[in-house]
């Protein structure tokens, strides 16, 4: 780790928990803005087709369509799983 990064981390450690959360939110926003946006499955298939990796884009099967139609999200209580993951990474 570079000296600059260590210095910044030490300064962040000196902040209050609320200020640390603000720094975290700002960093996450910066990363999100610089991260390449994900492409859709259709765009990915078009890319594979254009590169010659696949010769045609397969149509969804009846089973795929049926599974999509029958999809029912489940209700979950408690905090969002994303919060749990973030907490466990700390």
N, C-alpha and C. Protein backbone atom coordinates (compact mmCIF):
# COMPACT_ATOMS: atom_id res chain seq x y z
N UNK A 1 0.85 -1.17 0.00
CA UNK A 1 0.00 0.00 0.00
C UNK A 1 0.90 1.24 0.00
N UNK A 2 0.56 2.22 -0.82
CA UNK A 2 1.38 3.42 -0.92
C UNK A 2 1.26 4.27 0.35
N UNK A 3 2.24 5.13 0.52
CA UNK A 3 2.24 6.02 1.69
C UNK A 3 1.03 6.95 1.66
N UNK A 4 0.65 7.40 0.46
CA UNK A 4 -0.51 8.28 0.34
C UNK A 4 -1.78 7.59 0.81
N UNK A 5 -1.95 6.34 0.39
CA UNK A 5 -3.15 5.59 0.77
C UNK A 5 -3.16 5.37 2.28
N UNK A 6 -2.01 5.02 2.85
CA UNK A 6 -1.94 4.81 4.30
C UNK A 6 -2.26 6.10 5.05
N UNK A 7 -1.77 7.23 4.54
CA UNK A 7 -2.03 8.52 5.19
C UNK A 7 -3.53 8.82 5.15
N UNK A 8 -4.16 8.61 4.00
CA UNK A 8 -5.60 8.87 3.87
C UNK A 8 -6.38 7.95 4.79
N UNK A 9 -6.01 6.67 4.84
CA UNK A 9 -6.71 5.72 5.71
C UNK A 9 -6.59 6.13 7.18
N UNK A 10 -5.42 6.59 7.59
CA UNK A 10 -5.24 7.05 8.97
C UNK A 10 -6.11 8.27 9.26
N UNK A 11 -6.24 9.16 8.28
CA UNK A 11 -7.10 10.32 8.47
C UNK A 11 -8.56 9.90 8.55
N UNK A 12 -8.95 8.92 7.77
CA UNK A 12 -10.33 8.43 7.81
C UNK A 12 -10.62 7.77 9.16
N UNK A 13 -9.65 7.04 9.69
CA UNK A 13 -9.83 6.39 11.00
C UNK A 13 -10.07 7.42 12.10
N UNK A 14 -9.55 8.64 11.92
CA UNK A 14 -9.72 9.68 12.93
C UNK A 14 -11.10 10.34 12.86
N UNK A 15 -11.86 10.06 11.81
CA UNK A 15 -13.19 10.65 11.66
C UNK A 15 -14.21 9.95 12.55
N UNK A 16 -15.33 10.60 12.76
CA UNK A 16 -16.43 9.97 13.49
C UNK A 16 -17.04 8.89 12.59
N UNK A 17 -17.76 7.94 13.19
CA UNK A 17 -18.41 6.92 12.36
C UNK A 17 -19.33 7.51 11.29
N UNK A 18 -20.03 8.59 11.62
CA UNK A 18 -20.91 9.23 10.63
C UNK A 18 -20.10 9.80 9.47
N UNK A 19 -18.98 10.43 9.79
CA UNK A 19 -18.12 10.99 8.74
C UNK A 19 -17.51 9.87 7.89
N UNK A 20 -17.16 8.76 8.53
CA UNK A 20 -16.63 7.62 7.79
C UNK A 20 -17.67 7.08 6.81
N UNK A 21 -18.94 7.06 7.23
CA UNK A 21 -20.01 6.62 6.34
C UNK A 21 -20.14 7.57 5.15
N UNK A 22 -19.96 8.86 5.40
CA UNK A 22 -20.04 9.84 4.31
C UNK A 22 -18.90 9.63 3.31
N UNK A 23 -17.71 9.34 3.84
CA UNK A 23 -16.56 9.06 2.97
C UNK A 23 -16.83 7.80 2.15
N UNK A 24 -17.35 6.79 2.82
CA UNK A 24 -17.67 5.53 2.12
C UNK A 24 -18.68 5.76 1.00
N UNK A 25 -19.73 6.52 1.29
CA UNK A 25 -20.76 6.79 0.29
C UNK A 25 -20.16 7.56 -0.89
N UNK A 26 -19.30 8.52 -0.59
CA UNK A 26 -18.66 9.30 -1.66
C UNK A 26 -17.76 8.42 -2.52
N UNK A 27 -17.01 7.51 -1.89
CA UNK A 27 -16.15 6.60 -2.64
C UNK A 27 -16.97 5.65 -3.50
N UNK A 28 -18.05 5.12 -2.94
CA UNK A 28 -18.90 4.21 -3.71
C UNK A 28 -19.51 4.93 -4.91
N UNK A 29 -19.87 6.19 -4.73
CA UNK A 29 -20.43 6.97 -5.83
C UNK A 29 -19.37 7.19 -6.91
N UNK A 30 -18.14 7.50 -6.49
CA UNK A 30 -17.06 7.70 -7.45
C UNK A 30 -16.79 6.43 -8.24
N UNK A 31 -16.76 5.30 -7.56
CA UNK A 31 -16.51 4.03 -8.23
C UNK A 31 -17.64 3.71 -9.20
N UNK A 32 -18.87 3.94 -8.77
CA UNK A 32 -20.02 3.66 -9.63
C UNK A 32 -19.99 4.52 -10.89
N UNK A 33 -19.54 5.75 -10.76
CA UNK A 33 -19.50 6.65 -11.91
C UNK A 33 -18.40 6.27 -12.89
N UNK A 34 -17.32 5.67 -12.38
CA UNK A 34 -16.21 5.32 -13.26
C UNK A 34 -16.27 3.87 -13.74
N UNK A 35 -17.16 3.09 -13.16
CA UNK A 35 -17.29 1.70 -13.55
C UNK A 35 -18.06 1.60 -14.85
N UNK A 36 -17.57 0.74 -15.71
CA UNK A 36 -18.23 0.53 -17.00
C UNK A 36 -19.63 -0.05 -16.76
N UNK A 37 -20.65 0.53 -17.38
CA UNK A 37 -22.00 -0.01 -17.17
C UNK A 37 -22.13 -1.42 -17.73
N UNK A 38 -22.89 -2.24 -17.04
CA UNK A 38 -23.10 -3.61 -17.50
C UNK A 38 -24.03 -3.60 -18.69
N UNK A 39 -23.79 -4.55 -19.59
CA UNK A 39 -24.65 -4.66 -20.75
C UNK A 39 -25.75 -5.67 -20.47
N UNK A 40 -26.82 -5.55 -21.22
CA UNK A 40 -27.92 -6.49 -21.04
C UNK A 40 -27.55 -7.82 -21.68
N UNK A 41 -28.34 -8.83 -21.38
CA UNK A 41 -28.10 -10.15 -21.98
C UNK A 41 -28.25 -10.07 -23.50
N UNK A 42 -29.23 -9.30 -23.96
CA UNK A 42 -29.43 -9.15 -25.40
C UNK A 42 -28.22 -8.49 -26.06
N UNK A 43 -27.68 -7.43 -25.43
CA UNK A 43 -26.49 -6.77 -25.96
C UNK A 43 -25.30 -7.72 -25.99
N UNK A 44 -25.18 -8.55 -24.96
CA UNK A 44 -24.10 -9.53 -24.90
C UNK A 44 -24.22 -10.54 -26.04
N UNK A 45 -25.44 -11.02 -26.25
CA UNK A 45 -25.65 -11.99 -27.33
C UNK A 45 -25.36 -11.35 -28.69
N UNK A 46 -25.75 -10.10 -28.87
CA UNK A 46 -25.46 -9.39 -30.12
C UNK A 46 -23.94 -9.25 -30.32
N UNK A 47 -23.22 -9.00 -29.24
CA UNK A 47 -21.76 -8.89 -29.30
C UNK A 47 -21.15 -10.22 -29.71
N UNK A 48 -21.60 -11.31 -29.11
CA UNK A 48 -21.10 -12.64 -29.47
C UNK A 48 -21.38 -12.95 -30.94
N UNK A 49 -22.55 -12.58 -31.40
CA UNK A 49 -22.94 -12.80 -32.79
C UNK A 49 -22.04 -11.99 -33.72
N UNK A 50 -21.81 -10.72 -33.38
CA UNK A 50 -20.98 -9.85 -34.21
C UNK A 50 -19.53 -10.35 -34.28
N UNK A 51 -19.03 -10.92 -33.20
CA UNK A 51 -17.66 -11.44 -33.16
C UNK A 51 -17.54 -12.81 -33.83
N UNK A 52 -18.67 -13.40 -34.18
CA UNK A 52 -18.63 -14.71 -34.82
C UNK A 52 -18.49 -15.86 -33.84
N UNK A 53 -18.65 -15.59 -32.56
CA UNK A 53 -18.53 -16.64 -31.55
C UNK A 53 -19.75 -17.55 -31.59
N UNK A 54 -20.91 -16.98 -31.88
CA UNK A 54 -22.12 -17.78 -32.08
C UNK A 54 -22.67 -17.44 -33.47
N UNK A 55 -23.39 -18.38 -34.06
CA UNK A 55 -23.91 -18.15 -35.41
C UNK A 55 -25.34 -17.62 -35.40
N UNK A 56 -26.03 -17.78 -34.30
CA UNK A 56 -27.39 -17.24 -34.17
C UNK A 56 -27.72 -17.05 -32.70
N UNK A 57 -28.67 -16.17 -32.45
CA UNK A 57 -29.12 -15.96 -31.08
C UNK A 57 -30.29 -16.90 -30.84
N UNK A 58 -30.13 -17.81 -29.89
CA UNK A 58 -31.19 -18.79 -29.66
C UNK A 58 -32.45 -18.14 -29.08
N UNK A 59 -33.58 -18.59 -29.55
CA UNK A 59 -34.85 -18.11 -29.02
C UNK A 59 -35.11 -18.78 -27.68
N UNK A 60 -35.82 -18.10 -26.79
CA UNK A 60 -36.12 -18.73 -25.50
C UNK A 60 -37.02 -19.95 -25.70
N UNK A 61 -36.77 -20.97 -24.91
CA UNK A 61 -37.58 -22.18 -25.00
C UNK A 61 -38.90 -21.96 -24.28
N UNK A 62 -39.82 -22.86 -24.50
CA UNK A 62 -41.12 -22.78 -23.81
C UNK A 62 -40.92 -22.87 -22.30
N UNK A 63 -39.94 -23.70 -21.88
CA UNK A 63 -39.64 -23.83 -20.45
C UNK A 63 -39.15 -22.51 -19.87
N UNK A 64 -38.32 -21.78 -20.64
CA UNK A 64 -37.84 -20.47 -20.19
C UNK A 64 -39.00 -19.50 -20.01
N UNK A 65 -39.86 -19.47 -20.99
CA UNK A 65 -41.01 -18.56 -20.95
C UNK A 65 -41.93 -18.91 -19.78
N UNK A 66 -42.16 -20.20 -19.59
CA UNK A 66 -43.04 -20.66 -18.50
C UNK A 66 -42.44 -20.30 -17.14
N UNK A 67 -41.14 -20.50 -16.99
CA UNK A 67 -40.48 -20.17 -15.72
C UNK A 67 -40.60 -18.67 -15.44
N UNK A 68 -40.47 -17.86 -16.47
CA UNK A 68 -40.58 -16.42 -16.30
C UNK A 68 -42.00 -16.03 -15.90
N UNK A 69 -42.98 -16.64 -16.53
CA UNK A 69 -44.38 -16.35 -16.22
C UNK A 69 -44.74 -16.76 -14.79
N UNK A 70 -44.18 -17.87 -14.34
CA UNK A 70 -44.51 -18.40 -13.01
C UNK A 70 -43.71 -17.77 -11.87
N UNK A 71 -42.79 -16.86 -12.19
CA UNK A 71 -41.93 -16.28 -11.17
C UNK A 71 -42.75 -15.51 -10.14
N UNK A 72 -42.50 -15.82 -8.88
CA UNK A 72 -43.14 -15.10 -7.78
C UNK A 72 -42.06 -14.78 -6.74
N UNK A 73 -41.76 -13.50 -6.55
CA UNK A 73 -40.74 -13.15 -5.55
C UNK A 73 -41.22 -13.52 -4.15
N UNK A 74 -40.26 -13.85 -3.30
CA UNK A 74 -40.61 -14.20 -1.93
C UNK A 74 -40.45 -12.97 -1.04
N UNK A 75 -41.22 -12.91 0.02
CA UNK A 75 -41.13 -11.82 0.99
C UNK A 75 -40.07 -12.20 2.02
N UNK A 76 -39.19 -11.27 2.31
CA UNK A 76 -38.13 -11.50 3.28
C UNK A 76 -38.21 -10.40 4.32
N UNK A 77 -38.10 -10.77 5.58
CA UNK A 77 -38.13 -9.77 6.64
C UNK A 77 -36.70 -9.46 7.07
N UNK A 78 -36.53 -8.35 7.74
CA UNK A 78 -35.22 -7.98 8.23
C UNK A 78 -34.54 -7.01 7.28
N UNK A 79 -33.27 -6.76 7.56
CA UNK A 79 -32.54 -5.79 6.74
C UNK A 79 -32.15 -6.40 5.40
N UNK A 80 -31.87 -5.57 4.42
CA UNK A 80 -31.49 -6.07 3.10
C UNK A 80 -30.21 -6.91 3.16
N UNK A 81 -30.14 -7.93 2.32
CA UNK A 81 -28.97 -8.81 2.29
C UNK A 81 -27.71 -8.03 1.95
N UNK A 82 -27.85 -6.97 1.15
CA UNK A 82 -26.67 -6.17 0.80
C UNK A 82 -26.03 -5.57 2.05
N UNK A 83 -26.84 -5.16 3.02
CA UNK A 83 -26.29 -4.63 4.27
C UNK A 83 -25.52 -5.70 5.02
N UNK A 84 -26.08 -6.91 5.07
CA UNK A 84 -25.42 -8.02 5.76
C UNK A 84 -24.08 -8.32 5.11
N UNK A 85 -24.04 -8.33 3.79
CA UNK A 85 -22.79 -8.61 3.07
C UNK A 85 -21.75 -7.56 3.39
N UNK A 86 -22.15 -6.29 3.35
CA UNK A 86 -21.22 -5.20 3.64
C UNK A 86 -20.69 -5.32 5.06
N UNK A 87 -21.55 -5.61 6.03
CA UNK A 87 -21.13 -5.75 7.42
C UNK A 87 -20.15 -6.89 7.59
N UNK A 88 -20.38 -8.01 6.90
CA UNK A 88 -19.50 -9.17 7.04
C UNK A 88 -18.15 -8.94 6.38
N UNK A 89 -18.06 -8.02 5.45
CA UNK A 89 -16.79 -7.73 4.78
C UNK A 89 -15.91 -6.82 5.61
N UNK A 90 -16.48 -6.18 6.61
CA UNK A 90 -15.69 -5.24 7.44
C UNK A 90 -14.82 -5.97 8.41
